[in-house]
Amino acid sequence: MKKHIYLIPLIVGVLFSVLGVKTIIKAFDSRDWLNCEGTITHSEIITKTSRSNSGTTSTRYSPKIQYEYVVEENTYSSSNISFGGRNAGRDYVQQTVDYYHVGLIVEVYFNPENPTESALEPGVTSGTYMPLAMGLIFMGVGMFYYKTTNKSANQLIDPTWTTPDFEGKV
């Protein structure tokens, strides 16, 4: 099993890459979505603190913005601001929460084929590419492990294959 350890980052990389491509496509599509008026119903900062094995702590902040909108007499609720992560420094997240304060009337962009899909900020942001970038990194790590744990790709096809001996032969 140790010889096949490269499969773990490779599979994780493929999954992240697929998610990343879907996110990018959805972000590009959202630029053509219809829009309607909505209202911010909830706005807060989510704080997550984690501790590493060495004892150091790190804190991540993300905005939790909830809004409602009506499409064809149906009320929908969502928390999607944009297609891409919003984890950032506390000041940036605080600005987002302050901007999207409870009661604010906003423009909501929704998928006309599936109105449950929506965003306050349609289109592509730098965060949109993050899952794809992470996927490619994981796949690269997997390929590196593969190259370092397997002598030759030819051995996968024919386990009896060995490197030819060319000592002094021309």
C-alpha atoms as a PDB file:
ATOM      1  CA  MET A   1       0.000   0.000   0.000  1.00  0.00           C
ATOM      2  CA  LYS A   2       2.855   2.366   0.769  1.00  0.00           C
ATOM      3  CA  LYS A   3       3.921   2.128  -2.872  1.00  0.00           C
ATOM      4  CA  HIS A   4       0.542   3.507  -3.960  1.00  0.00           C
ATOM      5  CA  ILE A   5       0.500   6.461  -1.535  1.00  0.00           C
ATOM      6  CA  TYR A   6       0.627   8.782  -4.554  1.00  0.00           C
ATOM      7  CA  LEU A   7      -3.026   7.908  -5.254  1.00  0.00           C
ATOM      8  CA  ILE A   8      -4.289   9.907  -2.259  1.00  0.00           C
ATOM      9  CA  PRO A   9      -3.105  13.370  -3.383  1.00  0.00           C
ATOM     10  CA  LEU A  10      -3.819  12.439  -6.995  1.00  0.00           C
ATOM     11  CA  ILE A  11      -7.471  11.580  -6.253  1.00  0.00           C
ATOM     12  CA  VAL A  12      -7.896  14.627  -3.991  1.00  0.00           C
ATOM     13  CA  GLY A  13      -6.381  16.741  -6.776  1.00  0.00           C
ATOM     14  CA  VAL A  14      -8.779  15.377  -9.373  1.00  0.00           C
ATOM     15  CA  LEU A  15     -11.768  16.033  -7.083  1.00  0.00           C
ATOM     16  CA  PHE A  16     -10.644  19.608  -6.341  1.00  0.00           C
ATOM     17  CA  SER A  17      -9.973  20.207 -10.048  1.00  0.00           C
ATOM     18  CA  VAL A  18     -13.437  19.003 -11.066  1.00  0.00           C
ATOM     19  CA  LEU A  19     -14.992  21.218  -8.380  1.00  0.00           C
ATOM     20  CA  GLY A  20     -12.802  24.096  -9.554  1.00  0.00           C
ATOM     21  CA  VAL A  21     -13.799  23.774 -13.196  1.00  0.00           C
ATOM     22  CA  LYS A  22     -17.498  23.593 -12.235  1.00  0.00           C
ATOM     23  CA  THR A  23     -17.098  26.709 -10.078  1.00  0.00           C
ATOM     24  CA  ILE A  24     -15.373  28.629 -12.868  1.00  0.00           C
ATOM     25  CA  ILE A  25     -18.071  27.667 -15.390  1.00  0.00           C
ATOM     26  CA  LYS A  26     -20.823  28.665 -12.946  1.00  0.00           C
ATOM     27  CA  ALA A  27     -19.077  31.993 -12.271  1.00  0.00           C
ATOM     28  CA  PHE A  28     -18.816  32.799 -15.987  1.00  0.00           C
ATOM     29  CA  ASP A  29     -22.451  31.752 -16.546  1.00  0.00           C
ATOM     30  CA  SER A  30     -23.633  33.958 -13.663  1.00  0.00           C
ATOM     31  CA  ARG A  31     -22.691  37.071 -15.639  1.00  0.00           C
ATOM     32  CA  ASP A  32     -25.717  36.375 -17.881  1.00  0.00           C
ATOM     33  CA  TRP A  33     -28.185  35.523 -15.106  1.00  0.00           C
ATOM     34  CA  LEU A  34     -31.326  37.528 -14.510  1.00  0.00           C
ATOM     35  CA  ASN A  35     -31.505  39.838 -11.533  1.00  0.00           C
ATOM     36  CA  CYS A  36     -34.101  40.909  -9.018  1.00  0.00           C
ATOM     37  CA  GLU A  37     -34.318  42.826  -5.788  1.00  0.00           C
ATOM     38  CA  GLY A  38     -33.459  41.089  -2.539  1.00  0.00           C
ATOM     39  CA  THR A  39     -33.029  41.911   1.140  1.00  0.00           C
ATOM     40  CA  ILE A  40     -30.194  41.053   3.516  1.00  0.00           C
ATOM     41  CA  THR A  41     -31.703  39.096   6.429  1.00  0.00           C
ATOM     42  CA  HIS A  42     -28.569  38.121   8.359  1.00  0.00           C
ATOM     43  CA  SER A  43     -25.001  39.435   8.486  1.00  0.00           C
ATOM     44  CA  GLU A  44     -22.194  38.276  10.770  1.00  0.00           C
ATOM     45  CA  ILE A  45     -18.537  37.285  10.920  1.00  0.00           C
ATOM     46  CA  ILE A  46     -17.787  33.588  11.353  1.00  0.00           C
ATOM     47  CA  THR A  47     -14.571  32.972  13.273  1.00  0.00           C
ATOM     48  CA  LYS A  48     -12.772  29.628  13.155  1.00  0.00           C
ATOM     49  CA  THR A  49      -9.713  29.059  15.313  1.00  0.00           C
ATOM     50  CA  SER A  50      -7.529  26.000  14.900  1.00  0.00           C
ATOM     51  CA  ARG A  51      -4.486  24.745  16.741  1.00  0.00           C
ATOM     52  CA  SER A  52      -1.613  22.952  15.028  1.00  0.00           C
ATOM     53  CA  ASN A  53       0.288  20.000  16.484  1.00  0.00           C
ATOM     54  CA  SER A  54       3.058  22.405  17.496  1.00  0.00           C
ATOM     55  CA  GLY A  55       0.583  24.430  19.569  1.00  0.00           C
ATOM     56  CA  THR A  56       0.309  27.524  17.392  1.00  0.00           C
ATOM     57  CA  THR A  57      -3.159  28.827  16.725  1.00  0.00           C
ATOM     58  CA  SER A  58      -4.540  30.414  13.596  1.00  0.00           C
ATOM     59  CA  THR A  59      -7.825  32.205  13.112  1.00  0.00           C
ATOM     60  CA  ARG A  60      -9.824  32.420   9.886  1.00  0.00           C
ATOM     61  CA  TYR A  61     -12.656  34.843   9.291  1.00  0.00           C
ATOM     62  CA  SER A  62     -15.457  34.627   6.773  1.00  0.00           C
ATOM     63  CA  PRO A  63     -18.645  36.623   6.261  1.00  0.00           C
ATOM     64  CA  LYS A  64     -22.020  34.918   6.730  1.00  0.00           C
ATOM     65  CA  ILE A  65     -24.492  36.933   4.678  1.00  0.00           C
ATOM     66  CA  GLN A  66     -28.034  35.620   4.268  1.00  0.00           C
ATOM     67  CA  TYR A  67     -30.503  37.197   1.852  1.00  0.00           C
ATOM     68  CA  GLU A  68     -33.990  36.583   0.470  1.00  0.00           C
ATOM     69  CA  TYR A  69     -35.365  37.275  -2.984  1.00  0.00           C
ATOM     70  CA  VAL A  70     -38.569  36.533  -4.886  1.00  0.00           C
ATOM     71  CA  VAL A  71     -38.756  34.971  -8.347  1.00  0.00           C
ATOM     72  CA  GLU A  72     -42.161  34.305  -9.903  1.00  0.00           C
ATOM     73  CA  GLU A  73     -43.926  34.597  -6.537  1.00  0.00           C
ATOM     74  CA  ASN A  74     -41.559  32.081  -4.890  1.00  0.00           C
ATOM     75  CA  THR A  75     -39.321  33.262  -2.048  1.00  0.00           C
ATOM     76  CA  TYR A  76     -35.757  31.981  -2.027  1.00  0.00           C
ATOM     77  CA  SER A  77     -33.001  32.308   0.538  1.00  0.00           C
ATOM     78  CA  SER A  78     -29.262  32.110  -0.094  1.00  0.00           C
ATOM     79  CA  SER A  79     -25.904  32.947   1.442  1.00  0.00           C
ATOM     80  CA  ASN A  80     -23.801  32.932  -1.722  1.00  0.00           C
ATOM     81  CA  ILE A  81     -22.030  36.239  -2.137  1.00  0.00           C
ATOM     82  CA  SER A  82     -19.858  35.247  -5.100  1.00  0.00           C
ATOM     83  CA  PHE A  83     -18.219  32.231  -6.714  1.00  0.00           C
ATOM     84  CA  GLY A  84     -15.004  32.024  -4.770  1.00  0.00           C
ATOM     85  CA  GLY A  85     -13.869  32.054  -1.183  1.00  0.00           C
ATOM     86  CA  ARG A  86     -14.252  35.021   1.092  1.00  0.00           C
ATOM     87  CA  ASN A  87     -11.929  33.897   3.887  1.00  0.00           C
ATOM     88  CA  ALA A  88      -9.637  36.818   4.501  1.00  0.00           C
ATOM     89  CA  GLY A  89      -8.304  39.145   7.132  1.00  0.00           C
ATOM     90  CA  ARG A  90     -10.695  40.384   9.760  1.00  0.00           C
ATOM     91  CA  ASP A  91     -10.742  43.949   8.375  1.00  0.00           C
ATOM     92  CA  TYR A  92     -11.794  42.816   4.893  1.00  0.00           C
ATOM     93  CA  VAL A  93     -14.479  40.511   6.280  1.00  0.00           C
ATOM     94  CA  GLN A  94     -15.697  43.287   8.601  1.00  0.00           C
ATOM     95  CA  GLN A  95     -16.042  45.612   5.580  1.00  0.00           C
ATOM     96  CA  THR A  96     -18.094  42.947   3.781  1.00  0.00           C
ATOM     97  CA  VAL A  97     -20.390  42.460   6.789  1.00  0.00           C
ATOM     98  CA  ASP A  98     -20.738  46.227   7.271  1.00  0.00           C
ATOM     99  CA  TYR A  99     -21.602  46.701   3.594  1.00  0.00           C
ATOM    100  CA  TYR A 100     -24.157  43.854   3.497  1.00  0.00           C
ATOM    101  CA  HIS A 101     -25.943  44.929   6.684  1.00  0.00           C
ATOM    102  CA  VAL A 102     -29.334  43.549   7.709  1.00  0.00           C
ATOM    103  CA  GLY A 103     -32.172  45.298   5.880  1.00  0.00           C
ATOM    104  CA  LEU A 104     -30.056  46.401   2.914  1.00  0.00           C
ATOM    105  CA  ILE A 105     -31.879  46.136  -0.411  1.00  0.00           C
ATOM    106  CA  VAL A 106     -29.546  44.373  -2.864  1.00  0.00           C
ATOM    107  CA  GLU A 107     -29.485  43.255  -6.462  1.00  0.00           C
ATOM    108  CA  VAL A 108     -29.566  39.434  -6.570  1.00  0.00           C
ATOM    109  CA  TYR A 109     -28.444  37.566  -9.670  1.00  0.00           C
ATOM    110  CA  PHE A 110     -30.173  34.206 -10.097  1.00  0.00           C
ATOM    111  CA  ASN A 111     -30.017  31.320 -12.528  1.00  0.00           C
ATOM    112  CA  PRO A 112     -33.230  31.513 -14.602  1.00  0.00           C
ATOM    113  CA  GLU A 113     -33.127  27.711 -15.077  1.00  0.00           C
ATOM    114  CA  ASN A 114     -32.719  27.110 -11.339  1.00  0.00           C
ATOM    115  CA  PRO A 115     -33.655  30.169  -9.234  1.00  0.00           C
ATOM    116  CA  THR A 116     -32.238  28.535  -6.077  1.00  0.00           C
ATOM    117  CA  GLU A 117     -28.780  29.359  -7.482  1.00  0.00           C
ATOM    118  CA  SER A 118     -27.901  32.972  -6.881  1.00  0.00           C
ATOM    119  CA  ALA A 119     -25.116  35.422  -6.108  1.00  0.00           C
ATOM    120  CA  LEU A 120     -24.823  39.003  -4.983  1.00  0.00           C
ATOM    121  CA  GLU A 121     -21.623  39.502  -6.984  1.00  0.00           C
ATOM    122  CA  PRO A 122     -21.779  37.557 -10.267  1.00  0.00           C
ATOM    123  CA  GLY A 123     -18.802  36.697 -12.416  1.00  0.00           C
ATOM    124  CA  VAL A 124     -15.277  35.553 -11.740  1.00  0.00           C
ATOM    125  CA  THR A 125     -13.134  36.694  -8.806  1.00  0.00           C
ATOM    126  CA  SER A 126      -9.609  35.690  -7.843  1.00  0.00           C
ATOM    127  CA  GLY A 127     -11.098  33.253  -5.325  1.00  0.00           C
ATOM    128  CA  THR A 128     -12.993  31.500  -8.110  1.00  0.00           C
ATOM    129  CA  TYR A 129      -9.778  29.866  -9.285  1.00  0.00           C
ATOM    130  CA  MET A 130      -8.702  28.614  -5.835  1.00  0.00           C
ATOM    131  CA  PRO A 131     -10.242  25.088  -5.984  1.00  0.00           C
ATOM    132  CA  LEU A 132      -8.700  24.470  -9.411  1.00  0.00           C
ATOM    133  CA  ALA A 133      -5.311  25.758  -8.240  1.00  0.00           C
ATOM    134  CA  MET A 134      -5.460  23.518  -5.149  1.00  0.00           C
ATOM    135  CA  GLY A 135      -6.423  20.565  -7.328  1.00  0.00           C
ATOM    136  CA  LEU A 136      -3.501  21.102  -9.648  1.00  0.00           C
ATOM    137  CA  ILE A 137      -1.127  21.377  -6.689  1.00  0.00           C
ATOM    138  CA  PHE A 138      -2.422  18.122  -5.182  1.00  0.00           C
ATOM    139  CA  MET A 139      -2.151  16.378  -8.552  1.00  0.00           C
ATOM    140  CA  GLY A 140       1.416  17.652  -8.879  1.00  0.00           C
ATOM    141  CA  VAL A 141       2.264  16.253  -5.447  1.00  0.00           C
ATOM    142  CA  GLY A 142       0.666  12.943  -6.426  1.00  0.00           C
ATOM    143  CA  MET A 143       2.675  12.779  -9.640  1.00  0.00           C
ATOM    144  CA  PHE A 144       5.859  13.641  -7.747  1.00  0.00           C
ATOM    145  CA  TYR A 145       5.198  10.800  -5.277  1.00  0.00           C
ATOM    146  CA  TYR A 146       4.452   8.498  -8.181  1.00  0.00           C
ATOM    147  CA  LYS A 147       7.731   9.350  -9.885  1.00  0.00           C
ATOM    148  CA  THR A 148       9.732   8.883  -6.676  1.00  0.00           C
ATOM    149  CA  THR A 149       8.054   5.625  -5.609  1.00  0.00           C
ATOM    150  CA  ASN A 150       7.990   3.922  -9.018  1.00  0.00           C
ATOM    151  CA  LYS A 151      11.207   3.205 -10.907  1.00  0.00           C
ATOM    152  CA  SER A 152       9.641   3.320 -14.324  1.00  0.00           C
ATOM    153  CA  ALA A 153       6.248   3.744 -15.895  1.00  0.00           C
ATOM    154  CA  ASN A 154       7.102   0.737 -18.078  1.00  0.00           C
ATOM    155  CA  GLN A 155       7.037  -1.461 -14.968  1.00  0.00           C
ATOM    156  CA  LEU A 156       3.319  -0.762 -14.629  1.00  0.00           C
ATOM    157  CA  ILE A 157       2.732  -2.260 -18.065  1.00  0.00           C
ATOM    158  CA  ASP A 158       5.211  -5.145 -17.765  1.00  0.00           C
ATOM    159  CA  PRO A 159       6.419  -5.876 -14.204  1.00  0.00           C
ATOM    160  CA  THR A 160       9.289  -7.985 -15.589  1.00  0.00           C
ATOM    161  CA  TRP A 161      10.692  -5.047 -17.578  1.00  0.00           C
ATOM    162  CA  THR A 162      14.141  -3.844 -16.512  1.00  0.00           C
ATOM    163  CA  THR A 163      16.384  -1.070 -17.701  1.00  0.00           C
ATOM    164  CA  PRO A 164      18.614  -2.300 -20.563  1.00  0.00           C
ATOM    165  CA  ASP A 165      22.291  -2.642 -19.723  1.00  0.00           C
ATOM    166  CA  PHE A 166      24.346  -0.591 -22.184  1.00  0.00           C
ATOM    167  CA  GLU A 167      27.712  -0.855 -20.429  1.00  0.00           C
ATOM    168  CA  GLY A 168      30.331  -0.281 -23.045  1.00  0.00           C
ATOM    169  CA  LYS A 169      28.093  -1.469 -25.896  1.00  0.00           C
ATOM    170  CA  VAL A 170      27.740   0.745 -28.938  1.00  0.00           C
END
